[in-house]
Protein backbone atom coordinates (compact mmCIF):
# COMPACT_ATOMS: atom_id res chain seq x y z
CA MET A 1 -34.06 -60.98 -25.94
CA THR A 2 -34.88 -57.27 -26.02
CA GLN A 3 -34.52 -55.51 -22.69
CA SER A 4 -37.56 -53.56 -21.51
CA ARG A 5 -37.38 -49.79 -21.70
CA LEU A 6 -38.98 -49.62 -18.25
CA ALA A 7 -36.90 -49.87 -15.07
CA TYR A 8 -37.75 -49.68 -11.39
CA SER A 9 -35.69 -48.34 -8.52
CA ILE A 10 -35.55 -47.75 -4.82
CA ASP A 11 -33.13 -45.33 -3.19
CA PHE A 12 -32.54 -43.73 0.18
CA GLY A 13 -30.00 -41.42 1.71
CA PRO A 14 -29.22 -38.64 4.18
CA ILE A 15 -30.32 -35.05 3.57
CA TYR A 16 -28.18 -32.18 4.87
CA SER A 17 -30.39 -29.08 4.82
CA TYR A 18 -30.59 -25.38 5.69
CA ARG A 19 -32.55 -22.31 4.55
CA ASP A 20 -32.45 -18.67 3.40
CA TYR A 21 -34.78 -15.78 4.15
CA THR A 22 -36.04 -13.27 1.55
CA ILE A 23 -37.89 -10.11 2.54
CA THR A 24 -40.96 -9.46 0.36
CA ASP A 25 -42.51 -6.35 1.94
CA TYR A 26 -41.75 -3.95 4.78
CA SER A 27 -42.82 -0.67 6.34
CA MET A 28 -40.85 2.50 5.63
CA GLU A 29 -39.04 4.47 8.29
CA THR A 30 -41.09 7.16 10.07
CA ASP A 31 -40.44 9.74 12.79
CA VAL A 32 -41.67 7.18 15.32
CA TYR A 33 -40.57 3.78 13.95
CA PRO A 34 -37.52 2.45 12.13
CA SER A 35 -38.10 0.68 8.84
CA GLY A 36 -39.41 -2.87 8.80
CA LYS A 37 -36.27 -3.86 6.90
CA GLU A 38 -34.18 -3.12 9.99
CA TRP A 39 -36.43 -5.39 12.03
CA PHE A 40 -36.06 -8.11 9.35
CA ASN A 41 -32.27 -7.80 9.59
CA VAL A 42 -32.48 -8.40 13.35
CA PHE A 43 -34.79 -11.39 12.75
CA GLU A 44 -32.44 -12.88 10.15
CA ASP A 45 -29.28 -12.35 12.23
CA TYR A 46 -30.88 -13.94 15.28
CA TYR A 47 -32.04 -17.11 13.51
CA ASN A 48 -28.76 -17.40 11.61
CA GLU A 49 -27.12 -17.57 15.01
CA VAL A 50 -29.38 -20.17 16.64
CA GLU A 51 -30.26 -22.33 13.61
CA LYS A 52 -27.70 -24.62 11.97
CA TYR A 53 -27.67 -27.25 9.25
CA GLY A 54 -29.93 -30.21 10.06
CA LEU A 55 -29.68 -33.87 9.11
CA GLY A 56 -32.74 -35.58 7.65
CA PHE A 57 -33.29 -38.38 5.14
CA GLY A 58 -35.25 -39.39 2.07
CA LEU A 59 -36.66 -42.55 0.46
CA THR A 60 -37.93 -42.84 -3.12
CA LEU A 61 -39.60 -45.56 -5.19
CA GLY A 62 -39.03 -44.80 -8.85
CA ILE A 63 -39.97 -45.85 -12.35
CA SER A 64 -38.01 -44.76 -15.42
CA TYR A 65 -38.40 -44.99 -19.18
CA ASN A 66 -35.45 -45.21 -21.53
CA LEU A 67 -36.36 -42.61 -24.14
CA PHE A 68 -33.08 -42.82 -26.05
CA LYS A 69 -29.90 -44.86 -25.63
CA THR A 70 -28.39 -42.38 -23.15
CA LEU A 71 -31.51 -40.56 -21.92
CA ASP A 72 -34.02 -41.68 -19.27
CA LEU A 73 -37.15 -40.02 -17.91
CA LYS A 74 -37.87 -40.88 -14.29
CA THR A 75 -40.67 -40.27 -11.80
CA GLY A 76 -41.97 -41.97 -8.67
CA LEU A 77 -43.15 -41.44 -5.13
CA GLY A 78 -41.09 -40.65 -2.07
CA TYR A 79 -40.84 -39.36 1.48
CA LYS A 80 -38.38 -36.83 2.82
CA LYS A 81 -37.64 -35.13 6.09
CA ILE A 82 -35.71 -31.87 6.10
CA GLU A 83 -34.87 -29.88 9.21
CA GLU A 84 -32.99 -27.04 10.84
CA LYS A 85 -31.04 -27.86 13.96
CA ILE A 86 -31.48 -25.31 16.75
CA VAL A 87 -28.64 -24.43 19.10
CA PRO A 88 -29.83 -21.89 21.72
CA SER A 89 -27.36 -19.05 22.13
CA THR A 90 -28.23 -18.55 25.81
CA PRO A 91 -28.18 -21.60 28.14
CA VAL A 92 -31.15 -20.39 30.19
CA GLU A 93 -32.50 -23.88 30.86
CA SER A 94 -29.31 -25.85 30.44
CA ILE A 95 -28.60 -28.59 32.95
CA PRO A 96 -25.20 -28.89 34.68
CA ILE A 97 -23.90 -32.49 34.44
CA ASN A 98 -20.60 -33.35 36.16
CA GLY A 99 -19.74 -29.70 36.28
CA LYS A 100 -20.40 -29.19 32.53
CA ILE A 101 -23.26 -27.35 30.85
CA ASN A 102 -25.54 -29.66 28.87
CA MET A 103 -27.09 -27.61 26.07
CA PRO A 104 -30.49 -28.98 24.94
CA ASN A 105 -30.89 -29.70 21.22
CA TYR A 106 -34.00 -28.87 19.23
CA SER A 107 -34.97 -28.89 15.58
CA ASN A 108 -37.65 -27.73 13.19
CA CYS A 109 -38.70 -30.72 11.03
CA TYR A 110 -40.75 -30.76 7.83
CA HIS A 111 -42.09 -34.07 6.48
CA TYR A 112 -43.04 -34.25 2.80
CA LEU A 113 -44.69 -36.67 0.41
CA THR A 114 -42.73 -36.03 -2.78
CA PHE A 115 -43.25 -36.60 -6.51
CA PRO A 116 -39.92 -36.39 -8.39
CA LEU A 117 -39.61 -35.63 -12.11
CA ASN A 118 -36.11 -36.27 -13.49
CA VAL A 119 -34.13 -36.41 -16.71
CA GLN A 120 -31.02 -38.63 -16.56
CA HIS A 121 -28.32 -38.45 -19.22
CA LYS A 122 -25.51 -41.02 -19.40
CA VAL A 123 -22.32 -39.20 -20.38
CA PHE A 124 -19.86 -42.10 -20.68
CA SER A 125 -19.22 -45.70 -19.58
CA ILE A 126 -16.15 -47.64 -18.45
CA ASP A 127 -16.64 -51.41 -18.35
CA LYS A 128 -19.55 -52.00 -15.92
CA PHE A 129 -19.56 -48.38 -14.68
CA SER A 130 -21.52 -45.53 -16.22
CA PHE A 131 -21.41 -41.85 -15.30
CA GLY A 132 -24.11 -39.30 -15.92
CA VAL A 133 -25.96 -36.17 -14.87
CA VAL A 134 -29.43 -35.72 -13.40
CA LEU A 135 -31.69 -32.68 -13.67
CA GLY A 136 -35.16 -32.48 -12.21
CA SER A 137 -37.68 -31.15 -9.76
CA ASP A 138 -39.65 -32.36 -6.75
CA ILE A 139 -43.28 -31.50 -6.09
CA ASP A 140 -43.53 -31.73 -2.31
CA PHE A 141 -46.76 -32.01 -0.35
CA LEU A 142 -46.49 -31.25 3.36
CA ASN A 143 -47.45 -34.26 5.47
CA SER A 144 -46.61 -32.88 8.92
CA TYR A 145 -44.16 -30.61 10.68
CA THR A 146 -42.84 -29.73 14.12
CA MET A 147 -41.56 -26.28 15.03
CA THR A 148 -39.95 -25.88 18.42
CA SER A 149 -40.97 -22.85 20.44
CA ARG A 150 -38.17 -21.32 22.48
CA SER A 151 -40.39 -18.62 23.99
CA ASN A 152 -39.86 -20.10 27.46
CA LYS A 153 -36.11 -19.67 26.99
CA PHE A 154 -36.21 -16.31 25.22
CA LEU A 155 -38.57 -13.37 25.51
CA THR A 156 -40.32 -14.13 22.21
CA ASP A 157 -40.08 -16.57 19.35
CA PRO A 158 -41.52 -14.81 16.29
CA LYS A 159 -40.64 -17.64 13.92
CA TYR A 160 -42.68 -20.15 15.90
CA GLU A 161 -45.52 -17.69 16.49
CA ALA A 162 -45.77 -16.20 12.99
CA GLY A 163 -44.36 -18.84 10.63
CA GLN A 164 -46.88 -20.33 8.18
CA VAL A 165 -45.68 -23.61 6.66
CA SER A 166 -46.58 -24.03 2.97
CA LYS A 167 -48.71 -27.04 2.05
CA LEU A 168 -47.09 -27.33 -1.39
CA SER A 169 -43.46 -26.62 -2.31
CA LEU A 170 -41.46 -26.98 -5.52
CA ASN A 171 -37.70 -27.33 -5.91
CA LEU A 172 -35.12 -27.69 -8.67
CA ARG A 173 -32.42 -30.36 -8.43
CA GLY A 174 -29.22 -31.25 -10.19
CA GLY A 175 -26.53 -33.82 -9.57
CA LEU A 176 -24.38 -36.69 -10.72
CA ILE A 177 -25.10 -40.41 -10.97
CA ILE A 178 -22.63 -43.28 -10.90
CA ASN A 179 -24.10 -46.62 -11.91
CA TYR A 180 -22.56 -50.09 -11.56
CA LYS A 181 -24.13 -52.92 -13.58
CA MET A 182 -24.10 -56.10 -11.50
CA ARG A 183 -26.22 -58.17 -13.89
CA ARG A 184 -28.04 -57.64 -17.16
CA ASN A 185 -31.18 -56.51 -15.34
CA LEU A 186 -29.75 -55.30 -12.01
CA SER A 187 -27.53 -52.36 -11.09
CA ILE A 188 -26.69 -50.21 -8.09
CA TYR A 189 -26.06 -46.48 -8.11
CA LEU A 190 -24.77 -43.54 -6.13
CA GLN A 191 -26.41 -40.15 -6.75
CA PRO A 192 -25.22 -37.00 -4.95
CA ASP A 193 -27.38 -33.98 -5.80
CA PHE A 194 -28.25 -30.47 -4.68
CA ALA A 195 -31.78 -29.07 -4.44
CA ARG A 196 -33.14 -25.60 -3.82
CA TYR A 197 -36.78 -24.66 -3.40
CA ILE A 198 -38.18 -22.07 -5.78
CA THR A 199 -41.44 -21.65 -3.87
CA PRO A 200 -41.35 -20.75 -0.14
CA ASN A 201 -41.38 -23.46 2.49
CA LEU A 202 -42.57 -20.94 5.09
CA THR A 203 -43.94 -17.39 5.04
CA TYR A 204 -43.82 -14.76 7.79
CA ASP A 205 -46.00 -11.72 8.42
CA LEU A 206 -44.72 -9.83 11.47
CA GLY A 207 -45.82 -6.53 12.97
CA ASP A 208 -48.69 -4.14 12.42
CA VAL A 209 -49.61 -2.26 9.27
CA GLY A 210 -49.42 1.45 10.12
CA ALA A 211 -46.60 0.87 12.59
CA ILE A 212 -43.63 -1.39 11.84
CA TYR A 213 -43.90 -4.66 9.94
CA PHE A 214 -42.24 -6.93 7.42
CA LYS A 215 -43.15 -9.97 5.34
CA ALA A 216 -40.61 -12.64 4.44
CA ASP A 217 -40.31 -16.04 2.80
CA GLN A 218 -38.14 -18.99 3.80
CA TYR A 219 -36.53 -21.12 1.07
CA ASN A 220 -34.89 -24.37 2.12
CA TYR A 221 -32.06 -26.07 0.27
CA TYR A 222 -30.21 -29.32 0.77
CA ILE A 223 -27.59 -31.80 -0.34
CA GLN A 224 -28.64 -35.44 -0.58
CA THR A 225 -26.57 -38.53 -1.30
CA ARG A 226 -28.76 -41.34 -2.63
CA PHE A 227 -27.87 -45.04 -2.57
CA GLY A 228 -30.09 -47.03 -4.90
CA ILE A 229 -30.92 -50.22 -6.79
CA ASN A 230 -32.19 -50.35 -10.39
CA PHE A 231 -33.89 -53.43 -11.83
CA HIS A 232 -35.74 -54.25 -15.06
């Protein structure tokens, strides 16, 4: 009996994410104001201090087509949550408990409906195990987000006040896949991969034209370890 070239999958796993900032425009230094780039450097240093890696998760329903013996094309539909954990540098509103300072935890969370497009290549097999590489991209549509304002704990919170979250984001991904064939039409797999967005997740426009200003983009990136089931 010939095995179908189509296969279906479901996978889920934790997402460990962070972000970078890239300045796109800024005011030049004048006799009255410093350059907008100096202000951006202060902005970046501050958020690098208070924002840390966040833990989210993802879930994907997939369908793949075996194009050649060792090459599969895969797409599907999924959900993912990525975030930045926030650790305030100044315990202004911390609560003493048993003589210890209890620092509140916050996070910025972004929820996406995602359409993955992957190419999977099987490199070699050993008995029931196969090992391969995965290259692909996710087209992510923003479903919802939460950004925590810390303006009541600090004088201002420009990220919360000026950040514009993108409705559509695109990333590039690459990783490994280890597959174990349990039956002729059923297998389980482990897929660790790394993704980086190539379109901004957020944009910032801070300051006043004619005075001091800068514009910047935020690009998130993450590591995800997927645990999945394949069936024909």
